[in-house]
Each structure stands twice: as C-alpha cells, then as structure tokens.
Amino acid sequence: MQRVRPKKINGKNLTGAMFWNLLTSYVEAINKGAIPSIESSWAYICKNECNKAVDDAYEIFERIMYEELNAGGPFYDNQLKEIYSQAKKLANSHFLKVAVGDVKAEYEEMLMKKMKNKFT
C-alpha cells in the first residue's frame, strides 16, 4: 500500500469520481468502436468537475445569503452589499479549490453571473 501512488492526468491527482468518469469515457469510446483519447477524456473530466464545482459553490452562496438575511433585519444597503460580498467570496474560494482544467475560468465566469443574477 505504501508504494501505491495516486493516478494523475496532466499533473493533477484524480479523485475517485474523476477516475470513474475517466473509465466511463474510455468504456463508452471503446463500445462505440473508437480509440479512447486521454486528451478528450481529460476535457470531459474537467467539464464534469467544473459543473459540480459551480453547483456546490452556488449552494454555499445561497445558504450563506439566506442564513444571513433570515438572521435579522432590516438591513442598510452597505450591510447587504457586505453580506453579498462575503457569500460570493466564500463560494468563489470553494470553486477555485475544487475546479480543474483549462475550462476553469469559463465556469468561474458562469458562477459569477449566476450569483449576480440571483440577488441583483
């Protein structure tokens, strides 16, 4: 067990879910008669992980906003802006920790738009 090393693609350690998605994409390619491509499989994993990261980060954002807003009130504009800013910062921080790949910036922008549209 001490000699077992984590599986990596493009220098990134694969989580169990990422490894499962990689294997699934290989099996699908083989079943269709194609040759599995590491590059296209990695792109698939990145998009999948970024989608999950957006969903999780947005859930964090919503939870913080609702908890803070339900905790009291009335709020002044600057207080609302501070609550929104903190929730957005924590959600984005989570996203950056979890998301992987070259498409990360595209999905980060998607998250920012989603948060902006919710409370503006």
C-alpha atoms as a PDB file:
ATOM      1  CA  MET A   1       0.000   0.000   0.000  1.00  0.00           C
ATOM      2  CA  GLN A   2       2.854   2.418   0.650  1.00  0.00           C
ATOM      3  CA  ARG A   3       4.063   2.126  -2.949  1.00  0.00           C
ATOM      4  CA  VAL A   4       0.679   2.921  -4.465  1.00  0.00           C
ATOM      5  CA  ARG A   5       0.647   6.393  -5.946  1.00  0.00           C
ATOM      6  CA  PRO A   6      -2.372   8.473  -6.894  1.00  0.00           C
ATOM      7  CA  LYS A   7      -3.433   8.340 -10.517  1.00  0.00           C
ATOM      8  CA  LYS A   8      -2.682  11.588 -12.347  1.00  0.00           C
ATOM      9  CA  ILE A   9      -3.579  13.225 -15.623  1.00  0.00           C
ATOM     10  CA  ASN A  10      -1.859  16.437 -16.710  1.00  0.00           C
ATOM     11  CA  GLY A  11      -0.172  16.621 -13.315  1.00  0.00           C
ATOM     12  CA  LYS A  12      -3.451  16.598 -11.380  1.00  0.00           C
ATOM     13  CA  ASN A  13      -4.359  13.873  -8.902  1.00  0.00           C
ATOM     14  CA  LEU A  14      -7.609  12.149  -9.801  1.00  0.00           C
ATOM     15  CA  THR A  15     -10.287  11.767  -7.173  1.00  0.00           C
ATOM     16  CA  GLY A  16     -12.383   8.604  -7.131  1.00  0.00           C
ATOM     17  CA  ALA A  17     -15.184  10.372  -9.013  1.00  0.00           C
ATOM     18  CA  MET A  18     -12.764  11.748 -11.594  1.00  0.00           C
ATOM     19  CA  PHE A  19     -11.217   8.299 -12.086  1.00  0.00           C
ATOM     20  CA  TRP A  20     -14.692   6.801 -12.502  1.00  0.00           C
ATOM     21  CA  ASN A  21     -15.568   9.409 -15.135  1.00  0.00           C
ATOM     22  CA  LEU A  22     -12.303   8.692 -16.940  1.00  0.00           C
ATOM     23  CA  LEU A  23     -13.022   4.973 -17.022  1.00  0.00           C
ATOM     24  CA  THR A  24     -16.588   5.600 -18.149  1.00  0.00           C
ATOM     25  CA  SER A  25     -15.418   7.749 -21.052  1.00  0.00           C
ATOM     26  CA  TYR A  26     -12.908   5.044 -22.068  1.00  0.00           C
ATOM     27  CA  VAL A  27     -15.572   2.329 -21.991  1.00  0.00           C
ATOM     28  CA  GLU A  28     -18.011   4.487 -23.987  1.00  0.00           C
ATOM     29  CA  ALA A  29     -15.338   5.188 -26.614  1.00  0.00           C
ATOM     30  CA  ILE A  30     -14.422   1.500 -26.885  1.00  0.00           C
ATOM     31  CA  ASN A  31     -18.086   0.467 -27.118  1.00  0.00           C
ATOM     32  CA  LYS A  32     -18.557   2.907 -29.999  1.00  0.00           C
ATOM     33  CA  GLY A  33     -15.572   1.395 -31.785  1.00  0.00           C
ATOM     34  CA  ALA A  34     -13.303   4.375 -31.181  1.00  0.00           C
ATOM     35  CA  ILE A  35      -9.909   4.566 -29.548  1.00  0.00           C
ATOM     36  CA  PRO A  36     -10.021   6.291 -26.140  1.00  0.00           C
ATOM     37  CA  SER A  37      -8.243   9.633 -26.113  1.00  0.00           C
ATOM     38  CA  ILE A  38      -6.630  10.811 -22.911  1.00  0.00           C
ATOM     39  CA  GLU A  39      -6.950  14.427 -24.027  1.00  0.00           C
ATOM     40  CA  SER A  40     -10.678  14.267 -24.746  1.00  0.00           C
ATOM     41  CA  SER A  41     -11.228  12.217 -21.568  1.00  0.00           C
ATOM     42  CA  TRP A  42      -9.404  14.859 -19.535  1.00  0.00           C
ATOM     43  CA  ALA A  43     -11.558  17.587 -21.095  1.00  0.00           C
ATOM     44  CA  TYR A  44     -14.660  15.565 -20.167  1.00  0.00           C
ATOM     45  CA  ILE A  45     -13.429  15.223 -16.580  1.00  0.00           C
ATOM     46  CA  CYS A  46     -12.643  18.933 -16.335  1.00  0.00           C
ATOM     47  CA  LYS A  47     -16.079  19.962 -17.559  1.00  0.00           C
ATOM     48  CA  ASN A  48     -17.746  17.498 -15.218  1.00  0.00           C
ATOM     49  CA  GLU A  49     -15.728  18.633 -12.193  1.00  0.00           C
ATOM     50  CA  CYS A  50     -16.260  22.307 -13.028  1.00  0.00           C
ATOM     51  CA  ASN A  51     -20.018  21.773 -13.323  1.00  0.00           C
ATOM     52  CA  LYS A  52     -20.066  20.121  -9.898  1.00  0.00           C
ATOM     53  CA  ALA A  53     -17.877  22.909  -8.502  1.00  0.00           C
ATOM     54  CA  VAL A  54     -20.289  25.560  -9.819  1.00  0.00           C
ATOM     55  CA  ASP A  55     -23.273  23.747  -8.305  1.00  0.00           C
ATOM     56  CA  ASP A  56     -21.564  23.271  -4.932  1.00  0.00           C
ATOM     57  CA  ALA A  57     -20.249  26.841  -4.814  1.00  0.00           C
ATOM     58  CA  TYR A  58     -23.640  28.264  -5.721  1.00  0.00           C
ATOM     59  CA  GLU A  59     -25.250  26.171  -2.997  1.00  0.00           C
ATOM     60  CA  ILE A  60     -22.755  27.636  -0.494  1.00  0.00           C
ATOM     61  CA  PHE A  61     -23.537  31.136  -1.766  1.00  0.00           C
ATOM     62  CA  GLU A  62     -27.307  30.665  -1.422  1.00  0.00           C
ATOM     63  CA  ARG A  63     -27.039  29.078   2.014  1.00  0.00           C
ATOM     64  CA  ILE A  64     -24.923  31.948   3.359  1.00  0.00           C
ATOM     65  CA  MET A  65     -27.201  34.588   1.852  1.00  0.00           C
ATOM     66  CA  TYR A  66     -30.374  33.026   3.232  1.00  0.00           C
ATOM     67  CA  GLU A  67     -28.867  32.381   6.669  1.00  0.00           C
ATOM     68  CA  GLU A  68     -27.639  35.956   6.960  1.00  0.00           C
ATOM     69  CA  LEU A  69     -30.817  37.527   5.632  1.00  0.00           C
ATOM     70  CA  ASN A  70     -33.042  35.383   7.827  1.00  0.00           C
ATOM     71  CA  ALA A  71     -30.942  36.199  10.897  1.00  0.00           C
ATOM     72  CA  GLY A  72     -32.290  39.695  11.203  1.00  0.00           C
ATOM     73  CA  GLY A  73     -33.026  42.931   9.570  1.00  0.00           C
ATOM     74  CA  PRO A  74     -33.806  45.487   8.390  1.00  0.00           C
ATOM     75  CA  PHE A  75     -30.504  45.966   6.608  1.00  0.00           C
ATOM     76  CA  TYR A  76     -28.838  49.066   5.245  1.00  0.00           C
ATOM     77  CA  ASP A  77     -27.506  48.965   1.698  1.00  0.00           C
ATOM     78  CA  ASN A  78     -23.895  48.688   2.839  1.00  0.00           C
ATOM     79  CA  GLN A  79     -24.788  45.748   5.100  1.00  0.00           C
ATOM     80  CA  LEU A  80     -26.491  43.931   2.230  1.00  0.00           C
ATOM     81  CA  LYS A  81     -23.503  44.582  -0.002  1.00  0.00           C
ATOM     82  CA  GLU A  82     -21.169  43.184   2.660  1.00  0.00           C
ATOM     83  CA  ILE A  83     -23.268  40.027   3.124  1.00  0.00           C
ATOM     84  CA  TYR A  84     -23.394  39.543  -0.645  1.00  0.00           C
ATOM     85  CA  SER A  85     -19.660  40.158  -0.996  1.00  0.00           C
ATOM     86  CA  GLN A  86     -18.761  37.666   1.750  1.00  0.00           C
ATOM     87  CA  ALA A  87     -21.070  34.962   0.368  1.00  0.00           C
ATOM     88  CA  LYS A  88     -19.659  35.486  -3.120  1.00  0.00           C
ATOM     89  CA  LYS A  89     -16.083  35.377  -1.826  1.00  0.00           C
ATOM     90  CA  LEU A  90     -16.616  32.110   0.082  1.00  0.00           C
ATOM     91  CA  ALA A  91     -18.417  30.479  -2.845  1.00  0.00           C
ATOM     92  CA  ASN A  92     -15.692  31.507  -5.290  1.00  0.00           C
ATOM     93  CA  SER A  93     -12.998  30.275  -2.909  1.00  0.00           C
ATOM     94  CA  HIS A  94     -14.657  26.854  -2.789  1.00  0.00           C
ATOM     95  CA  PHE A  95     -14.962  26.802  -6.564  1.00  0.00           C
ATOM     96  CA  LEU A  96     -11.271  27.576  -7.064  1.00  0.00           C
ATOM     97  CA  LYS A  97     -10.268  24.760  -4.704  1.00  0.00           C
ATOM     98  CA  VAL A  98     -12.407  22.152  -6.473  1.00  0.00           C
ATOM     99  CA  ALA A  99     -12.460  23.083 -10.173  1.00  0.00           C
ATOM    100  CA  VAL A 100      -9.775  21.726 -12.516  1.00  0.00           C
ATOM    101  CA  GLY A 101      -8.537  22.189 -16.052  1.00  0.00           C
ATOM    102  CA  ASP A 102      -8.324  24.800 -18.741  1.00  0.00           C
ATOM    103  CA  VAL A 103     -12.071  25.468 -18.668  1.00  0.00           C
ATOM    104  CA  LYS A 104     -11.926  26.650 -15.059  1.00  0.00           C
ATOM    105  CA  ALA A 105     -12.102  30.366 -15.965  1.00  0.00           C
ATOM    106  CA  GLU A 106     -15.136  29.814 -18.193  1.00  0.00           C
ATOM    107  CA  TYR A 107     -17.015  28.074 -15.382  1.00  0.00           C
ATOM    108  CA  GLU A 108     -15.894  30.648 -12.813  1.00  0.00           C
ATOM    109  CA  GLU A 109     -17.475  33.332 -15.001  1.00  0.00           C
ATOM    110  CA  MET A 110     -20.639  31.227 -15.193  1.00  0.00           C
ATOM    111  CA  LEU A 111     -20.724  31.031 -11.388  1.00  0.00           C
ATOM    112  CA  MET A 112     -20.239  34.788 -11.038  1.00  0.00           C
ATOM    113  CA  LYS A 113     -23.118  35.502 -13.437  1.00  0.00           C
ATOM    114  CA  LYS A 114     -25.345  33.018 -11.629  1.00  0.00           C
ATOM    115  CA  MET A 115     -24.654  34.671  -8.253  1.00  0.00           C
ATOM    116  CA  LYS A 116     -25.125  38.148  -9.682  1.00  0.00           C
ATOM    117  CA  ASN A 117     -28.462  37.249 -11.264  1.00  0.00           C
ATOM    118  CA  LYS A 118     -29.820  35.773  -8.047  1.00  0.00           C
ATOM    119  CA  PHE A 119     -29.699  38.871  -5.853  1.00  0.00           C
ATOM    120  CA  THR A 120     -29.406  41.857  -8.170  1.00  0.00           C
END
